[in-house]
Amino acid sequence: MIDGATRREVLSAGRKVTVGGAGILTLPSDSAAQDIARAPGLFCVVSTKSPGMVPTNVLAVQTDGFSYPGDGGGSLYHRVPSPPEHHGWFRSRDGGCWELTSAQPSVKEFGAVGDGRVDDRPAIQAAIDFVAARGGGTVVIPAGRFRLSTVQAPDATGPIGLWMRSRVHLQGTDRIRSVLVLADKQRGPGTFGRIIASPYLVDASLDNFTLDANRAGQGNERDATNGAAIMLGTAGAHVERVRIENLIVRNANGQGIQVVGHPNAVGRDIVIRGNWVERSSFIGIQVSHFIGLVIDDNDVVDCRDNGIDVYGDNFVNNSNTVTSMQASITRNRVRRCASGVFLETVADVDVTGNIFDACRVMGLHINRIHGEPSGIMITGNRTTATPIGASMTGDFGGVTFQSNHFSRFTVAALQFGLNGDGNVSFVTASGNVFDCRGVTCPVVFGCAPKGVLSWICITDNHIMGFPRQDQLFVNLFKTNNLVRVGKFIGPQKDFIP
């Protein structure tokens, strides 16, 4: 670059170039850019598809586009002695090999168009593979609607759109305008489909774009329960230090966002934050078998099953050892899903400051399969217009409800047992607010006549309104061990059931 020339001046001068007969951009002799183009080691060509001849003394070339000038895929390339083992290179007409130098390449530098019609899957996959081959980095998805087909996954587990790689960060520039959309008819009946997938993933992230799974365009598979829009990890694989943030994930066949571990290969340090997940045909956000999980500040709306679902059953040997632990589920907003948060066989979990609104069955459900859920703190959540505020099924190792707010429930605010069955043990509930205005159902309900209710403490909870005293605690359990129900604190007097 000549002394004193700014990048804007260089680009402005570059617009004055003309296309030579061999496809090389030549400069008028009176152009200030002539000196720039003739600076040692720099040369300008039309595109990777029309590179023309490049003099042998040139060490770097600047393209004006990938397929044609102005298509957004222009970049800087340097000369290499032989073709690299990735797609980030081209060969000029004289036989020279040129490798992309972008530190954070755009998918358009690999030929992605983003018009919603061209299949951009090969180009985006090439960008991911290129960055992975260089040891990691960021792949940029600019504004556009990038259509994706599917291919058979490298591990032959079913169709996938994009195969993520470790140490790659797939990042949009605007989550409203940077859109990946699944093409029509990419899944058939019985398939196990995923749009973004990887069984083994370390130090990777997805950030700031929309993923439209196009459920309506998938024919007979539009309401699948298998597969996911995003599925990271599979049985026996390892997922570690993975972040999924600021995405919009809509219309998923199966789960919206799924991170899958295994009792013998638990995921570690997973963050799912700031996403909007809507209209999944099964679960909104699901994570299994982990140590260290943050699910924070997400909106999950209109999913057919649970909004947020985490579990850790040791199904390999059916042991009592919990294989999912150390999770923080905070400040999420779950609306019009079957359940707000479903915790199954997990330990050391904080569920704090969430809002569950108009869920079809319950705001929160805690369940046990083999291992005992333990160390679970449920604090500061709000549940409204949902039949059951919170339900518990199974013998636990310690669950605490504190400072939660329940309103407009129609079955119970707190329910022990589910569908008339199940043991429940080691639950404490204190300092919660039960808004009973307009409520005629039980406030706390033990609904399992055949079960055993043990080591329960319910005391010093607040009520709003004036429920019937015989509805404060309705207990159908026939066997009760150390069940203590203290006072309910009202605005004018205390209620003791």
Protein backbone atom coordinates (compact mmCIF):
# COMPACT_ATOMS: atom_id res chain seq x y z
CA MET A 1 0.00 0.00 0.00
CA ILE A 2 1.38 3.47 -0.85
CA ASP A 3 2.25 5.83 1.95
CA GLY A 4 -0.75 7.74 3.27
CA ALA A 5 -3.37 5.68 1.42
CA THR A 6 -6.35 4.71 3.58
CA ARG A 7 -8.31 1.50 3.06
CA ARG A 8 -11.27 3.57 1.85
CA GLU A 9 -9.03 5.26 -0.76
CA VAL A 10 -7.74 1.90 -1.88
CA LEU A 11 -11.25 0.50 -2.29
CA SER A 12 -12.41 3.65 -4.05
CA ALA A 13 -9.50 3.44 -6.45
CA GLY A 14 -10.19 -0.24 -7.00
CA ARG A 15 -13.65 0.59 -8.36
CA LYS A 16 -11.98 2.32 -11.31
CA VAL A 17 -10.23 -0.81 -12.57
CA THR A 18 -11.16 -2.47 -15.87
CA VAL A 19 -11.21 -6.14 -16.77
CA GLY A 20 -8.37 -7.19 -19.01
CA GLY A 21 -8.57 -9.81 -21.74
CA ALA A 22 -7.11 -12.52 -19.51
CA GLY A 23 -9.48 -11.80 -16.65
CA ILE A 24 -6.90 -9.77 -14.74
CA LEU A 25 -7.95 -6.42 -13.32
CA THR A 26 -5.78 -3.76 -14.90
CA LEU A 27 -5.56 -0.16 -13.79
CA PRO A 28 -5.62 3.02 -15.84
CA SER A 29 -2.16 4.56 -15.95
CA ASP A 30 -3.37 7.77 -14.33
CA SER A 31 -5.04 5.98 -11.40
CA ALA A 32 -3.63 6.39 -7.93
CA ALA A 33 -4.56 2.75 -7.43
CA GLN A 34 -2.00 1.73 -10.03
CA ASP A 35 0.77 2.16 -7.52
CA ILE A 36 -1.24 0.28 -4.95
CA ALA A 37 -1.88 -2.66 -7.30
CA ARG A 38 1.76 -2.71 -8.27
CA ALA A 39 2.98 -2.71 -4.69
CA PRO A 40 5.21 -5.74 -4.18
CA GLY A 41 3.30 -8.98 -3.74
CA LEU A 42 -0.29 -7.64 -4.25
CA PHE A 43 -2.45 -8.21 -7.32
CA CYS A 44 -6.20 -7.93 -8.04
CA VAL A 45 -8.30 -10.53 -9.86
CA VAL A 46 -12.00 -10.71 -10.72
CA SER A 47 -13.00 -13.76 -8.66
CA THR A 48 -11.96 -17.27 -7.71
CA LYS A 49 -13.99 -18.51 -10.67
CA SER A 50 -12.30 -16.11 -13.13
CA PRO A 51 -8.81 -15.61 -11.76
CA GLY A 52 -6.93 -15.20 -15.01
CA MET A 53 -3.13 -15.23 -15.18
CA VAL A 54 -1.03 -14.03 -12.26
CA PRO A 55 2.66 -13.10 -12.67
CA THR A 56 5.05 -15.43 -10.92
CA ASN A 57 6.49 -12.67 -8.73
CA VAL A 58 3.07 -11.96 -7.15
CA LEU A 59 2.73 -13.34 -3.61
CA ALA A 60 -0.85 -12.27 -2.81
CA VAL A 61 -4.04 -11.58 -4.75
CA GLN A 62 -7.22 -9.72 -3.84
CA THR A 63 -10.47 -11.05 -5.36
CA ASP A 64 -13.48 -8.84 -6.00
CA GLY A 65 -15.85 -11.75 -5.44
CA PHE A 66 -16.17 -15.51 -5.18
CA SER A 67 -18.14 -16.20 -8.37
CA TYR A 68 -18.33 -12.69 -9.77
CA PRO A 69 -17.30 -9.18 -8.67
CA GLY A 70 -19.48 -7.74 -5.94
CA ASP A 71 -21.08 -10.98 -4.73
CA GLY A 72 -19.72 -10.45 -1.21
CA GLY A 73 -17.17 -13.24 -1.44
CA GLY A 74 -14.08 -11.22 -2.25
CA SER A 75 -11.04 -11.75 -0.06
CA LEU A 76 -7.26 -11.83 0.19
CA TYR A 77 -5.33 -14.97 -0.83
CA HIS A 78 -1.62 -15.78 -0.62
CA ARG A 79 0.41 -18.04 -2.86
CA VAL A 80 1.07 -21.61 -1.63
CA PRO A 81 3.24 -24.25 -3.29
CA SER A 82 0.51 -26.91 -3.51
CA PRO A 83 -3.26 -27.26 -2.99
CA PRO A 84 -4.22 -27.21 0.73
CA GLU A 85 -6.40 -29.94 2.20
CA HIS A 86 -9.50 -27.76 2.51
CA HIS A 87 -11.79 -25.74 0.22
CA GLY A 88 -10.37 -22.30 0.96
CA TRP A 89 -8.18 -22.03 -2.13
CA PHE A 90 -8.31 -21.66 -5.92
CA ARG A 91 -5.98 -22.16 -8.88
CA SER A 92 -5.22 -19.31 -11.27
CA ARG A 93 -5.00 -19.86 -15.00
CA ASP A 94 -1.21 -19.99 -14.90
CA GLY A 95 -1.34 -22.93 -12.44
CA GLY A 96 -0.63 -21.00 -9.22
CA CYS A 97 -2.34 -22.07 -5.97
CA TRP A 98 -3.88 -19.42 -3.74
CA GLU A 99 -5.04 -19.96 -0.14
CA LEU A 100 -7.57 -17.83 1.71
CA THR A 101 -6.08 -15.71 4.49
CA SER A 102 -9.24 -14.43 6.26
CA ALA A 103 -9.00 -14.60 10.03
CA GLN A 104 -12.82 -14.69 10.30
CA PRO A 105 -14.09 -15.80 6.90
CA SER A 106 -17.62 -15.16 5.75
CA VAL A 107 -19.54 -18.08 4.29
CA LYS A 108 -19.79 -15.97 1.13
CA GLU A 109 -16.04 -16.37 0.67
CA PHE A 110 -16.84 -20.04 0.00
CA GLY A 111 -19.66 -19.36 -2.44
CA ALA A 112 -22.74 -19.07 -0.22
CA VAL A 113 -25.37 -16.84 -1.85
CA GLY A 114 -28.04 -16.28 0.82
CA ASP A 115 -30.97 -15.72 -1.54
CA GLY A 116 -33.19 -18.47 -0.08
CA ARG A 117 -33.09 -20.46 -3.34
CA VAL A 118 -29.52 -21.69 -3.90
CA ASP A 119 -28.40 -24.62 -1.74
CA ASP A 120 -25.79 -23.01 0.50
CA ARG A 121 -25.04 -26.12 2.57
CA PRO A 122 -21.82 -27.08 0.69
CA ALA A 123 -20.39 -23.56 0.97
CA ILE A 124 -21.14 -23.18 4.69
CA GLN A 125 -19.77 -26.65 5.43
CA ALA A 126 -16.62 -25.77 3.49
CA ALA A 127 -16.18 -22.65 5.63
CA ILE A 128 -16.58 -24.67 8.84
CA ASP A 129 -14.09 -27.29 7.64
CA PHE A 130 -11.62 -24.61 6.54
CA VAL A 131 -11.58 -22.92 9.96
CA ALA A 132 -11.33 -26.29 11.73
CA ALA A 133 -8.37 -27.29 9.54
CA ARG A 134 -6.53 -24.15 10.63
CA GLY A 135 -7.00 -25.00 14.30
CA GLY A 136 -10.22 -23.10 14.94
CA GLY A 137 -11.75 -19.66 14.70
CA THR A 138 -14.92 -17.84 13.66
CA VAL A 139 -17.10 -18.44 10.60
CA VAL A 140 -19.34 -15.44 9.85
CA ILE A 141 -22.89 -15.75 8.54
CA PRO A 142 -23.77 -12.35 7.05
CA ALA A 143 -27.29 -11.06 6.47
CA GLY A 144 -29.21 -13.32 4.09
CA ARG A 145 -31.45 -16.36 3.91
CA PHE A 146 -29.19 -19.38 3.47
CA ARG A 147 -31.02 -22.49 2.29
CA LEU A 148 -29.72 -25.87 3.50
CA SER A 149 -30.21 -29.32 2.07
CA THR A 150 -29.24 -32.45 4.02
CA VAL A 151 -26.72 -35.23 3.41
CA GLN A 152 -25.95 -38.44 5.25
CA ALA A 153 -23.97 -37.70 8.40
CA PRO A 154 -20.30 -38.76 8.34
CA ASP A 155 -21.06 -41.30 11.07
CA ALA A 156 -24.02 -42.68 9.07
CA THR A 157 -26.55 -41.81 11.79
CA GLY A 158 -29.05 -40.06 9.53
CA PRO A 159 -29.46 -36.84 7.57
CA ILE A 160 -27.72 -33.67 8.70
CA GLY A 161 -27.40 -30.17 7.31
CA LEU A 162 -24.14 -28.90 8.82
CA TRP A 163 -21.49 -30.94 10.64
CA MET A 164 -19.97 -28.77 13.37
CA ARG A 165 -16.29 -29.02 14.27
CA SER A 166 -14.38 -28.46 17.48
CA ARG A 167 -12.92 -24.99 18.06
CA VAL A 168 -15.25 -23.46 15.44
CA HIS A 169 -17.52 -20.53 16.28
CA LEU A 170 -20.44 -20.19 13.85
CA GLN A 171 -21.57 -16.60 14.25
CA GLY A 172 -24.20 -14.50 12.53
CA THR A 173 -23.97 -10.74 12.19
CA ASP A 174 -27.65 -10.22 13.10
CA ARG A 175 -29.92 -12.92 14.50
CA ILE A 176 -32.91 -11.40 12.72
CA ARG A 177 -31.30 -11.11 9.29
CA SER A 178 -28.74 -13.95 9.33
CA VAL A 179 -31.02 -16.93 8.66
CA LEU A 180 -30.34 -20.61 7.99
CA VAL A 181 -33.43 -22.40 6.69
CA LEU A 182 -33.94 -26.10 5.98
CA ALA A 183 -35.12 -26.80 2.43
CA ASP A 184 -38.42 -28.58 1.80
CA LYS A 185 -38.68 -32.38 1.88
CA GLN A 186 -35.35 -33.10 3.55
CA ARG A 187 -36.79 -35.65 5.99
CA GLY A 188 -38.83 -38.74 5.33
CA PRO A 189 -40.89 -40.87 7.74
CA GLY A 190 -38.77 -42.47 10.45
CA THR A 191 -35.61 -40.48 9.80
CA PHE A 192 -33.30 -39.18 12.51
CA GLY A 193 -32.72 -35.72 11.16
CA ARG A 194 -30.61 -32.84 12.44
CA ILE A 195 -29.77 -29.51 10.86
CA ILE A 196 -26.66 -28.62 12.90
CA ALA A 197 -25.00 -31.67 14.43
CA SER A 198 -21.82 -33.13 15.86
CA PRO A 199 -21.26 -36.16 18.09
CA TYR A 200 -17.94 -34.90 19.49
CA LEU A 201 -17.43 -31.21 20.09
CA VAL A 202 -15.01 -29.17 22.22
CA ASP A 203 -14.58 -25.39 22.48
CA ALA A 204 -17.25 -24.51 19.94
CA SER A 205 -20.18 -22.10 19.76
CA LEU A 206 -23.28 -21.10 17.82
CA ASP A 207 -24.21 -17.46 18.11
CA ASN A 208 -26.48 -14.73 16.77
CA PHE A 209 -28.45 -16.21 13.87
CA THR A 210 -31.84 -17.76 13.12
CA LEU A 211 -32.28 -21.46 12.40
CA ASP A 212 -35.62 -22.20 10.74
CA ALA A 213 -36.25 -25.96 10.68
CA ASN A 214 -39.18 -25.53 8.27
CA ARG A 215 -41.37 -28.15 9.90
CA ALA A 216 -44.26 -27.36 7.58
CA GLY A 217 -42.16 -28.19 4.52
CA GLN A 218 -41.14 -31.70 5.63
CA GLY A 219 -44.23 -33.62 4.53
CA ASN A 220 -44.97 -36.72 6.60
CA GLU A 221 -42.16 -35.89 9.03
CA ARG A 222 -43.41 -32.47 10.07
CA ASP A 223 -44.25 -33.56 13.63
CA ALA A 224 -41.36 -35.83 14.52
CA THR A 225 -40.19 -36.56 18.06
CA ASN A 226 -36.78 -37.83 16.95
CA GLY A 227 -33.91 -35.64 15.89
CA ALA A 228 -33.49 -31.91 16.49
CA ALA A 229 -32.80 -28.61 14.80
CA ILE A 230 -29.53 -28.53 16.77
CA MET A 231 -28.14 -31.75 18.23
CA LEU A 232 -24.66 -31.76 19.71
CA GLY A 233 -23.34 -34.99 21.16
CA THR A 234 -24.55 -38.58 20.77
CA ALA A 235 -24.23 -41.79 22.76
CA GLY A 236 -20.68 -42.29 23.93
CA ALA A 237 -19.36 -38.99 22.50
CA HIS A 238 -17.89 -36.02 24.35
CA VAL A 239 -19.20 -32.43 24.41
CA GLU A 240 -17.20 -29.88 26.36
CA ARG A 241 -17.10 -26.08 26.63
CA VAL A 242 -19.89 -25.50 24.15
CA ARG A 243 -21.97 -22.30 23.98
CA ILE A 244 -25.29 -21.78 22.21
CA GLU A 245 -26.26 -18.13 22.50
CA ASN A 246 -28.52 -15.49 20.98
CA LEU A 247 -30.16 -17.81 18.46
CA ILE A 248 -33.71 -17.94 17.17
CA VAL A 249 -34.66 -21.59 16.65
CA ARG A 250 -38.11 -22.17 15.21
CA ASN A 251 -40.28 -24.91 13.76
CA ALA A 252 -38.07 -27.82 14.80
CA ASN A 253 -38.88 -31.41 13.98
CA GLY A 254 -38.24 -32.92 17.40
CA GLN A 255 -36.17 -30.80 19.81
CA GLY A 256 -35.20 -27.22 19.19
CA ILE A 257 -31.81 -27.31 20.95
CA GLN A 258 -30.44 -30.62 22.23
CA VAL A 259 -27.10 -31.43 23.86
CA VAL A 260 -26.77 -35.16 24.47
CA GLY A 261 -24.35 -36.80 26.84
CA HIS A 262 -23.96 -40.39 28.02
CA PRO A 263 -23.45 -41.94 31.47
CA ASN A 264 -19.95 -42.94 30.36
CA ALA A 265 -19.16 -39.65 28.59
CA VAL A 266 -20.87 -36.73 30.29
CA GLY A 267 -20.86 -33.28 28.74
CA ARG A 268 -19.04 -30.50 30.58
CA ASP A 269 -19.38 -26.73 30.84
CA ILE A 270 -22.34 -26.15 28.54
CA VAL A 271 -23.96 -22.71 28.20
CA ILE A 272 -27.34 -22.13 26.53
CA ARG A 273 -28.17 -18.45 26.92
CA GLY A 274 -30.32 -15.73 25.40
CA ASN A 275 -32.06 -17.89 22.79
CA TRP A 276 -35.61 -17.74 21.48
CA VAL A 277 -36.99 -21.24 20.80
CA GLU A 278 -40.49 -21.58 19.40
CA ARG A 279 -42.87 -24.16 17.93
CA SER A 280 -40.78 -27.30 18.37
CA SER A 281 -42.74 -30.47 17.67
CA PHE A 282 -41.31 -32.00 20.84
CA ILE A 283 -39.03 -30.32 23.46
CA GLY A 284 -37.66 -26.78 23.30
CA ILE A 285 -34.28 -27.16 25.07
CA GLN A 286 -33.03 -30.55 26.25
CA VAL A 287 -29.70 -31.49 27.88
CA SER A 288 -28.70 -34.86 29.27
CA HIS A 289 -25.74 -36.29 31.20
CA PHE A 290 -23.60 -33.32 32.13
CA ILE A 291 -21.39 -31.73 34.76
CA GLY A 292 -21.72 -27.97 34.61
CA LEU A 293 -24.70 -26.53 32.74
CA VAL A 294 -26.09 -23.00 32.42
CA ILE A 295 -29.51 -22.43 30.84
CA ASP A 296 -30.10 -18.73 31.25
CA ASP A 297 -32.34 -15.97 29.87
CA ASN A 298 -34.02 -18.04 27.15
CA ASP A 299 -37.56 -17.69 25.79
CA VAL A 300 -39.22 -21.02 24.99
CA VAL A 301 -42.66 -20.73 23.44
CA ASP A 302 -45.36 -23.00 22.01
CA CYS A 303 -43.51 -26.32 22.14
CA ARG A 304 -45.59 -29.50 22.19
CA ASP A 305 -43.73 -31.06 25.11
CA ASN A 306 -41.49 -29.63 27.82
CA GLY A 307 -39.99 -26.19 27.43
CA ILE A 308 -36.71 -27.03 29.22
CA ASP A 309 -35.83 -30.65 29.96
CA VAL A 310 -32.70 -31.92 31.74
CA TYR A 311 -32.01 -35.47 32.86
CA GLY A 312 -29.25 -37.79 33.99
CA ASP A 313 -30.50 -41.34 34.38
CA ASN A 314 -27.73 -43.94 34.48
CA PHE A 315 -29.40 -46.31 32.07
CA VAL A 316 -26.21 -48.30 31.45
CA ASN A 317 -26.40 -50.20 34.73
CA ASN A 318 -29.55 -48.70 36.32
CA SER A 319 -27.53 -47.50 39.30
CA ASN A 320 -28.56 -44.89 41.84
CA THR A 321 -25.67 -42.66 40.79
CA VAL A 322 -26.92 -39.47 39.17
CA THR A 323 -25.01 -38.60 36.00
CA SER A 324 -26.22 -35.00 35.55
CA MET A 325 -25.22 -32.40 38.11
CA GLN A 326 -24.25 -28.79 38.76
CA ALA A 327 -26.81 -26.89 36.70
CA SER A 328 -28.16 -23.36 36.86
CA ILE A 329 -31.52 -22.75 35.18
CA THR A 330 -32.22 -19.05 35.61
CA ARG A 331 -34.31 -16.18 34.27
CA ASN A 332 -35.95 -18.20 31.51
CA ARG A 333 -39.47 -17.51 30.25
CA VAL A 334 -41.48 -20.56 29.20
CA ARG A 335 -44.93 -20.06 27.74
CA ARG A 336 -47.56 -22.42 26.37
CA CYS A 337 -45.48 -25.59 26.58
CA ALA A 338 -46.57 -28.84 28.26
CA SER A 339 -44.27 -28.14 31.22
CA GLY A 340 -41.97 -25.25 31.99
CA VAL A 341 -38.95 -27.11 33.40
CA PHE A 342 -38.66 -30.89 33.71
CA LEU A 343 -35.90 -32.18 36.01
CA GLU A 344 -35.31 -35.91 35.94
CA THR A 345 -32.68 -37.69 38.05
CA VAL A 346 -30.37 -34.68 38.48
CA ALA A 347 -28.36 -33.29 41.39
CA ASP A 348 -27.15 -29.89 42.61
CA VAL A 349 -29.45 -27.81 40.44
CA ASP A 350 -30.67 -24.25 41.01
CA VAL A 351 -33.90 -23.21 39.30
CA THR A 352 -34.16 -19.50 39.99
CA GLY A 353 -36.08 -16.48 38.71
CA ASN A 354 -37.92 -18.21 35.88
CA ILE A 355 -41.41 -17.42 34.59
CA PHE A 356 -43.78 -20.24 33.61
CA ASP A 357 -46.92 -18.92 31.96
CA ALA A 358 -49.93 -20.76 30.54
CA CYS A 359 -48.18 -24.13 30.41
CA ARG A 360 -50.63 -26.91 29.62
CA VAL A 361 -49.78 -29.31 32.48
CA MET A 362 -47.36 -27.85 35.04
CA GLY A 363 -44.77 -25.19 35.59
CA LEU A 364 -42.15 -27.50 37.07
CA HIS A 365 -41.85 -31.27 37.40
CA ILE A 366 -39.18 -33.17 39.34
CA ASN A 367 -38.97 -36.88 38.65
CA ARG A 368 -36.81 -39.84 39.56
CA ILE A 369 -36.01 -42.88 37.43
CA HIS A 370 -33.10 -44.60 39.20
CA GLY A 371 -30.83 -42.10 40.91
CA GLU A 372 -32.25 -39.77 43.54
CA PRO A 373 -32.70 -36.11 42.58
CA SER A 374 -30.87 -34.18 45.30
CA GLY A 375 -29.59 -30.75 46.19
CA ILE A 376 -32.32 -29.05 44.15
CA MET A 377 -33.18 -25.44 45.01
CA ILE A 378 -36.33 -23.94 43.50
CA THR A 379 -36.34 -20.23 44.34
CA GLY A 380 -37.93 -17.02 43.12
CA ASN A 381 -39.90 -18.47 40.21
CA ARG A 382 -43.36 -17.34 39.07
CA THR A 383 -45.98 -19.74 37.72
CA THR A 384 -49.28 -18.45 36.41
CA ALA A 385 -52.30 -19.79 34.54
CA THR A 386 -50.94 -23.35 34.70
CA PRO A 387 -52.95 -26.28 36.13
CA ILE A 388 -50.18 -27.54 38.45
CA GLY A 389 -47.59 -25.11 39.74
CA ALA A 390 -45.01 -27.78 40.60
CA SER A 391 -45.23 -31.56 40.74
CA MET A 392 -42.89 -34.08 42.35
CA THR A 393 -42.66 -37.83 41.78
CA GLY A 394 -40.08 -40.12 43.38
CA ASP A 395 -37.96 -40.53 46.46
CA PHE A 396 -35.58 -37.59 46.57
CA GLY A 397 -32.37 -36.71 48.33
CA GLY A 398 -33.42 -33.14 49.07
CA VAL A 399 -35.63 -30.61 47.25
CA THR A 400 -36.37 -27.09 48.55
CA PHE A 401 -39.07 -24.68 47.37
CA GLN A 402 -38.56 -21.15 48.63
CA SER A 403 -39.93 -17.71 47.71
CA ASN A 404 -41.80 -18.88 44.63
CA HIS A 405 -45.09 -17.36 43.49
CA PHE A 406 -48.03 -19.44 42.22
CA SER A 407 -51.26 -18.01 40.81
CA ARG A 408 -54.27 -19.11 38.74
CA PHE A 409 -53.60 -22.84 39.24
CA THR A 410 -56.54 -25.19 38.72
CA VAL A 411 -55.27 -28.53 40.11
CA ALA A 412 -52.76 -27.53 42.81
CA ALA A 413 -49.93 -25.12 43.47
CA LEU A 414 -47.73 -27.95 44.80
CA GLN A 415 -48.54 -31.55 44.03
CA PHE A 416 -46.95 -34.70 45.43
CA GLY A 417 -47.27 -37.63 43.06
CA LEU A 418 -48.60 -37.59 39.52
CA ASN A 419 -51.69 -39.22 38.07
CA GLY A 420 -52.47 -40.82 41.42
CA ASP A 421 -49.16 -42.66 41.74
CA GLY A 422 -45.62 -42.38 43.11
CA ASN A 423 -43.69 -41.99 46.35
CA VAL A 424 -42.34 -38.59 47.38
CA SER A 425 -39.76 -37.81 50.07
CA PHE A 426 -37.45 -35.10 51.45
CA VAL A 427 -39.20 -31.95 50.25
CA THR A 428 -39.27 -28.62 52.06
CA ALA A 429 -41.52 -25.72 51.04
CA SER A 430 -41.41 -22.41 52.92
CA GLY A 431 -41.79 -18.73 52.20
CA ASN A 432 -43.74 -19.30 48.98
CA VAL A 433 -46.73 -17.22 47.92
CA PHE A 434 -49.92 -18.97 46.85
CA ASP A 435 -52.37 -16.58 45.21
CA CYS A 436 -55.67 -18.32 45.90
CA ARG A 437 -57.98 -15.63 44.57
CA GLY A 438 -60.55 -17.32 42.38
CA VAL A 439 -59.03 -20.75 43.13
CA THR A 440 -61.22 -23.64 44.31
CA CYS A 441 -58.74 -26.52 44.01
CA PRO A 442 -56.26 -27.71 46.68
CA VAL A 443 -53.26 -25.51 47.37
CA VAL A 444 -50.99 -28.44 48.31
CA PHE A 445 -52.18 -31.81 47.02
CA GLY A 446 -50.95 -35.33 47.80
CA CYS A 447 -52.59 -37.25 44.98
CA ALA A 448 -51.18 -40.81 45.28
CA PRO A 449 -53.26 -43.10 47.51
CA LYS A 450 -50.94 -46.07 46.88
CA GLY A 451 -47.73 -44.13 47.43
CA VAL A 452 -45.68 -43.19 50.49
CA LEU A 453 -45.16 -39.57 51.54
CA SER A 454 -42.11 -39.12 53.76
CA TRP A 455 -40.00 -36.38 55.38
CA ILE A 456 -42.07 -33.46 54.12
CA CYS A 457 -42.02 -30.00 55.67
CA ILE A 458 -44.48 -27.33 54.50
CA THR A 459 -44.54 -24.25 56.68
CA ASP A 460 -44.69 -20.44 56.76
CA ASN A 461 -46.02 -20.08 53.24
CA HIS A 462 -48.13 -17.04 52.34
CA ILE A 463 -51.58 -17.09 50.86
CA MET A 464 -53.54 -14.38 49.09
CA GLY A 465 -57.31 -14.56 49.23
CA PHE A 466 -59.36 -16.76 51.53
CA PRO A 467 -59.29 -20.41 50.45
CA ARG A 468 -61.20 -23.01 52.40
CA GLN A 469 -59.10 -24.38 55.22
CA ASP A 470 -59.77 -27.96 54.12
CA GLN A 471 -58.26 -27.10 50.72
CA LEU A 472 -54.94 -25.86 52.04
CA PHE A 473 -53.51 -29.36 52.25
CA VAL A 474 -55.41 -32.27 50.70
CA ASN A 475 -53.57 -35.53 51.29
CA LEU A 476 -54.69 -38.78 49.65
CA PHE A 477 -51.51 -40.71 50.57
CA LYS A 478 -52.43 -43.64 52.83
CA THR A 479 -48.89 -43.97 54.21
CA ASN A 480 -47.24 -40.89 55.71
CA ASN A 481 -43.92 -40.67 57.54
CA LEU A 482 -42.85 -37.45 59.25
CA VAL A 483 -45.11 -35.20 57.18
CA ARG A 484 -45.30 -31.78 58.83
CA VAL A 485 -47.62 -29.08 57.54
CA GLY A 486 -47.36 -25.82 59.47
CA LYS A 487 -49.21 -22.56 59.15
CA PHE A 488 -50.18 -20.66 56.03
CA ILE A 489 -49.78 -16.93 56.56
CA GLY A 490 -52.65 -14.81 55.29
CA PRO A 491 -53.21 -11.05 55.13
CA GLN A 492 -55.54 -11.06 58.16
CA LYS A 493 -54.97 -14.33 60.00
CA ASP A 494 -52.94 -17.50 59.92
CA PHE A 495 -54.45 -20.66 58.50
CA ILE A 496 -53.55 -24.01 60.00
CA PRO A 497 -54.96 -26.99 58.10
